[in-house]
Amino acid sequence: MATVFTILIPSVLGHILTLKFVYHWTILLILERIHGSQKINGNSLHYFNPLHKFLKLYRITK
């Protein structure tokens, strides 16, 4: 009998942590550090922005 971990972990991680998502996340982190005072479509790239704002930038730039 399969445990919850053997069923859920591969499928959940497969959908959440795809290479494309990690690639875009890495680019945004680099842009955020380099261009912290600049903006994309009126949204600041400042390091201390809340996570939901950062994810909004991810959706705009992908």
N, C-alpha and C. Protein backbone atom coordinates (compact mmCIF):
# COMPACT_ATOMS: atom_id res chain seq x y z
N MET A 1 0.84 -1.19 0.00
CA MET A 1 0.00 0.00 0.00
C MET A 1 0.89 1.26 0.00
N ALA A 2 0.60 2.15 -0.90
CA ALA A 2 1.41 3.37 -1.03
C ALA A 2 1.05 4.37 0.07
N THR A 3 2.06 5.03 0.58
CA THR A 3 1.81 6.05 1.60
C THR A 3 1.45 7.37 0.92
N VAL A 4 0.95 8.28 1.73
CA VAL A 4 0.58 9.60 1.21
C VAL A 4 1.79 10.29 0.60
N PHE A 5 2.94 10.16 1.25
CA PHE A 5 4.14 10.84 0.76
C PHE A 5 4.60 10.31 -0.60
N THR A 6 4.51 9.02 -0.83
CA THR A 6 4.96 8.48 -2.11
C THR A 6 4.02 8.85 -3.24
N ILE A 7 2.77 9.15 -2.91
CA ILE A 7 1.80 9.55 -3.94
C ILE A 7 1.84 11.05 -4.18
N LEU A 8 1.81 11.84 -3.10
CA LEU A 8 1.67 13.29 -3.23
C LEU A 8 2.96 14.02 -3.56
N ILE A 9 4.06 13.64 -2.96
CA ILE A 9 5.29 14.42 -3.14
C ILE A 9 5.73 14.49 -4.60
N PRO A 10 5.83 13.39 -5.34
CA PRO A 10 6.25 13.53 -6.74
C PRO A 10 5.27 14.34 -7.58
N SER A 11 3.96 14.16 -7.38
CA SER A 11 3.00 14.88 -8.21
C SER A 11 2.95 16.36 -7.83
N VAL A 12 2.96 16.67 -6.54
CA VAL A 12 2.91 18.06 -6.10
C VAL A 12 4.18 18.79 -6.50
N LEU A 13 5.32 18.19 -6.23
CA LEU A 13 6.58 18.84 -6.60
C LEU A 13 6.73 18.96 -8.11
N GLY A 14 6.21 18.00 -8.83
CA GLY A 14 6.28 18.05 -10.29
C GLY A 14 5.51 19.22 -10.86
N HIS A 15 4.39 19.56 -10.24
CA HIS A 15 3.57 20.67 -10.73
C HIS A 15 4.04 22.02 -10.21
N ILE A 16 4.53 22.05 -8.99
CA ILE A 16 4.91 23.33 -8.38
C ILE A 16 6.32 23.76 -8.79
N LEU A 17 7.26 22.85 -8.72
CA LEU A 17 8.66 23.21 -8.95
C LEU A 17 9.15 22.72 -10.31
N THR A 18 8.51 23.17 -11.35
CA THR A 18 8.99 22.82 -12.68
C THR A 18 10.23 23.65 -13.00
N LEU A 19 10.99 23.18 -13.95
CA LEU A 19 12.20 23.91 -14.32
C LEU A 19 11.89 25.29 -14.85
N LYS A 20 10.78 25.43 -15.58
CA LYS A 20 10.42 26.73 -16.14
C LYS A 20 10.13 27.73 -15.03
N PHE A 21 9.39 27.29 -14.01
CA PHE A 21 9.07 28.17 -12.89
C PHE A 21 10.34 28.59 -12.16
N VAL A 22 11.21 27.64 -11.89
CA VAL A 22 12.46 27.94 -11.19
C VAL A 22 13.33 28.88 -12.02
N TYR A 23 13.35 28.66 -13.33
CA TYR A 23 14.12 29.52 -14.22
C TYR A 23 13.62 30.97 -14.15
N HIS A 24 12.30 31.15 -14.26
CA HIS A 24 11.73 32.50 -14.20
C HIS A 24 11.93 33.12 -12.81
N TRP A 25 11.78 32.33 -11.77
CA TRP A 25 11.97 32.82 -10.41
C TRP A 25 13.39 33.32 -10.22
N THR A 26 14.36 32.58 -10.74
CA THR A 26 15.77 32.96 -10.62
C THR A 26 16.03 34.27 -11.35
N ILE A 27 15.48 34.41 -12.55
CA ILE A 27 15.67 35.66 -13.30
C ILE A 27 15.09 36.84 -12.54
N LEU A 28 13.88 36.67 -11.98
CA LEU A 28 13.28 37.77 -11.22
C LEU A 28 14.08 38.11 -9.97
N LEU A 29 14.62 37.11 -9.30
CA LEU A 29 15.45 37.40 -8.13
C LEU A 29 16.69 38.19 -8.51
N ILE A 30 17.30 37.83 -9.63
CA ILE A 30 18.48 38.56 -10.10
C ILE A 30 18.11 39.98 -10.48
N LEU A 31 17.01 40.14 -11.23
CA LEU A 31 16.57 41.48 -11.62
C LEU A 31 16.24 42.32 -10.40
N GLU A 32 15.63 41.70 -9.41
CA GLU A 32 15.25 42.42 -8.20
C GLU A 32 16.48 42.93 -7.47
N ARG A 33 17.52 42.14 -7.40
CA ARG A 33 18.74 42.55 -6.70
C ARG A 33 19.49 43.62 -7.48
N ILE A 34 19.52 43.50 -8.80
CA ILE A 34 20.30 44.43 -9.62
C ILE A 34 19.56 45.76 -9.81
N HIS A 35 18.26 45.68 -10.09
CA HIS A 35 17.48 46.87 -10.42
C HIS A 35 16.44 47.14 -9.34
N GLY A 36 16.85 47.15 -8.08
CA GLY A 36 15.93 47.27 -6.96
C GLY A 36 15.09 48.52 -6.94
N SER A 37 15.59 49.63 -7.46
CA SER A 37 14.82 50.87 -7.41
C SER A 37 14.00 51.11 -8.67
N GLN A 38 14.16 50.28 -9.67
CA GLN A 38 13.42 50.46 -10.91
C GLN A 38 12.08 49.75 -10.85
N LYS A 39 11.26 49.96 -11.88
CA LYS A 39 9.92 49.39 -11.88
C LYS A 39 9.64 48.67 -13.19
N ILE A 40 8.76 47.66 -13.12
CA ILE A 40 8.23 46.98 -14.30
C ILE A 40 6.73 47.21 -14.29
N ASN A 41 6.21 47.86 -15.31
CA ASN A 41 4.78 48.17 -15.40
C ASN A 41 4.26 48.83 -14.12
N GLY A 42 5.02 49.74 -13.57
CA GLY A 42 4.60 50.46 -12.38
C GLY A 42 4.81 49.72 -11.08
N ASN A 43 5.34 48.51 -11.11
CA ASN A 43 5.57 47.73 -9.90
C ASN A 43 7.05 47.76 -9.54
N SER A 44 7.34 48.11 -8.30
CA SER A 44 8.72 48.20 -7.85
C SER A 44 9.35 46.82 -7.75
N LEU A 45 10.66 46.75 -8.00
CA LEU A 45 11.40 45.51 -7.83
C LEU A 45 12.13 45.49 -6.50
N HIS A 46 11.71 46.31 -5.56
CA HIS A 46 12.39 46.40 -4.27
C HIS A 46 12.38 45.06 -3.56
N TYR A 47 13.46 44.74 -2.89
CA TYR A 47 13.65 43.43 -2.26
C TYR A 47 12.59 43.12 -1.20
N PHE A 48 12.08 44.13 -0.51
CA PHE A 48 11.16 43.89 0.60
C PHE A 48 9.70 43.92 0.19
N ASN A 49 9.40 43.85 -1.08
CA ASN A 49 8.00 43.75 -1.51
C ASN A 49 7.41 42.45 -1.00
N PRO A 50 6.13 42.44 -0.65
CA PRO A 50 5.49 41.19 -0.23
C PRO A 50 5.52 40.15 -1.34
N LEU A 51 5.39 38.89 -0.95
CA LEU A 51 5.46 37.79 -1.90
C LEU A 51 4.39 37.89 -2.98
N HIS A 52 3.17 38.31 -2.64
CA HIS A 52 2.12 38.39 -3.66
C HIS A 52 2.45 39.42 -4.73
N LYS A 53 3.11 40.50 -4.35
CA LYS A 53 3.54 41.48 -5.35
C LYS A 53 4.63 40.91 -6.24
N PHE A 54 5.53 40.15 -5.63
CA PHE A 54 6.60 39.53 -6.40
C PHE A 54 6.03 38.52 -7.40
N LEU A 55 5.04 37.74 -6.98
CA LEU A 55 4.41 36.78 -7.88
C LEU A 55 3.65 37.51 -8.99
N LYS A 56 3.11 38.69 -8.70
CA LYS A 56 2.45 39.49 -9.72
C LYS A 56 3.47 39.89 -10.80
N LEU A 57 4.67 40.27 -10.38
CA LEU A 57 5.73 40.58 -11.33
C LEU A 57 6.11 39.36 -12.15
N TYR A 58 6.09 38.20 -11.52
CA TYR A 58 6.40 36.96 -12.24
C TYR A 58 5.40 36.74 -13.37
N ARG A 59 4.12 36.94 -13.07
CA ARG A 59 3.09 36.74 -14.10
C ARG A 59 3.22 37.77 -15.22
N ILE A 60 3.61 39.01 -14.88
CA ILE A 60 3.75 40.07 -15.89
C ILE A 60 4.90 39.76 -16.83
N THR A 61 6.00 39.27 -16.30
CA THR A 61 7.21 39.12 -17.10
C THR A 61 7.34 37.79 -17.82
N LYS A 62 6.51 36.81 -17.50
CA LYS A 62 6.70 35.51 -18.17
C LYS A 62 6.07 35.46 -19.53
